[in-house]
Amino acid sequence: METKKENLLSASQVFFSVLMGAMNVGQATPYVEAFSMARAAAATIFSIIDRVPEVEGKTDLLHWHSYYICSYILDRLLFH
């Protein structure tokens, strides 16, 4: 009689564990879509960064630019 009780308890624990796991997977699926959208946006950004410019610069202008160091300060930048 003792083994039947243990088997019933084990079976119910396994059933509810599988049920909770399936519920957690169901709750996580909307976030998979957000990750795929972010990956697509990042691919677009990186393709723009890696693009070779169509305008060819002159060597004397490039040499003139090499003397200056540019720095940008972004203060109070908000993303909505």
Protein backbone atom coordinates (compact mmCIF):
# COMPACT_ATOMS: atom_id res chain seq x y z
CA MET A 1 0.00 0.00 0.00
CA GLU A 2 2.90 2.33 0.77
CA THR A 3 4.35 2.06 -2.73
CA LYS A 4 1.04 2.98 -4.42
CA LYS A 5 0.92 6.20 -2.39
CA GLU A 6 4.49 7.04 -3.29
CA ASN A 7 3.86 6.34 -6.97
CA LEU A 8 0.75 8.54 -6.95
CA LEU A 9 2.65 11.38 -5.25
CA SER A 10 5.55 11.07 -7.68
CA ALA A 11 3.22 11.05 -10.66
CA SER A 12 1.38 14.15 -9.45
CA GLN A 13 4.67 15.95 -8.80
CA VAL A 14 5.88 15.13 -12.31
CA PHE A 15 2.56 16.20 -13.83
CA PHE A 16 2.55 19.58 -12.08
CA SER A 17 6.23 20.13 -12.83
CA VAL A 18 5.62 19.58 -16.55
CA LEU A 19 2.53 21.80 -16.37
CA MET A 20 4.47 24.66 -14.72
CA GLY A 21 7.33 24.28 -17.21
CA ALA A 22 4.93 24.51 -20.14
CA MET A 23 3.31 27.59 -18.61
CA ASN A 24 6.70 29.28 -18.19
CA VAL A 25 7.62 28.55 -21.81
CA GLY A 26 4.30 30.04 -22.90
CA GLN A 27 4.96 33.20 -20.92
CA ALA A 28 8.47 33.58 -22.39
CA THR A 29 7.51 33.35 -26.07
CA PRO A 30 6.56 37.05 -26.55
CA TYR A 31 10.09 37.99 -25.54
CA VAL A 32 11.54 35.81 -28.28
CA GLU A 33 9.81 38.08 -30.79
CA ALA A 34 11.38 41.13 -29.14
CA PHE A 35 14.84 39.55 -29.41
CA SER A 36 14.33 38.81 -33.10
CA MET A 37 13.20 42.40 -33.75
CA ALA A 38 16.25 43.74 -31.90
CA ARG A 39 18.52 41.44 -33.90
CA ALA A 40 17.02 42.70 -37.17
CA ALA A 41 17.48 46.32 -36.06
CA ALA A 42 21.09 45.62 -35.08
CA ALA A 43 21.74 44.02 -38.47
CA THR A 44 20.46 47.17 -40.18
CA ILE A 45 22.63 49.39 -38.01
CA PHE A 46 25.75 47.29 -38.55
CA SER A 47 25.18 47.22 -42.31
CA ILE A 48 25.10 51.02 -42.28
CA ILE A 49 28.28 51.17 -40.20
CA ASP A 50 30.12 48.71 -42.46
CA ARG A 51 29.06 50.46 -45.67
CA VAL A 52 31.80 51.95 -47.82
CA PRO A 53 31.07 55.63 -48.53
CA GLU A 54 30.35 56.60 -52.11
CA VAL A 55 32.18 59.93 -51.82
CA GLU A 56 35.91 59.66 -52.31
CA GLY A 57 37.90 62.04 -50.18
CA LYS A 58 41.04 63.82 -51.29
CA THR A 59 44.29 62.84 -49.63
CA ASP A 60 45.19 66.39 -48.59
CA LEU A 61 41.84 66.75 -46.80
CA LEU A 62 42.35 63.46 -45.03
CA HIS A 63 45.81 64.56 -43.98
CA TRP A 64 44.40 67.86 -42.68
CA HIS A 65 41.75 65.97 -40.69
CA SER A 66 44.29 63.71 -39.02
CA TYR A 67 45.55 66.56 -36.83
CA TYR A 68 42.25 67.01 -35.02
CA ILE A 69 40.70 64.76 -32.43
CA CYS A 70 36.95 64.96 -32.14
CA SER A 71 35.03 64.16 -29.00
CA TYR A 72 31.30 64.26 -28.46
CA ILE A 73 29.54 64.87 -25.17
CA LEU A 74 25.95 63.73 -25.01
CA ASP A 75 24.27 65.48 -22.10
CA ARG A 76 20.65 64.92 -21.11
CA LEU A 77 20.06 62.36 -23.85
CA LEU A 78 16.68 60.70 -23.56
CA PHE A 79 15.31 57.71 -25.45
CA HIS A 80 11.56 57.23 -25.72
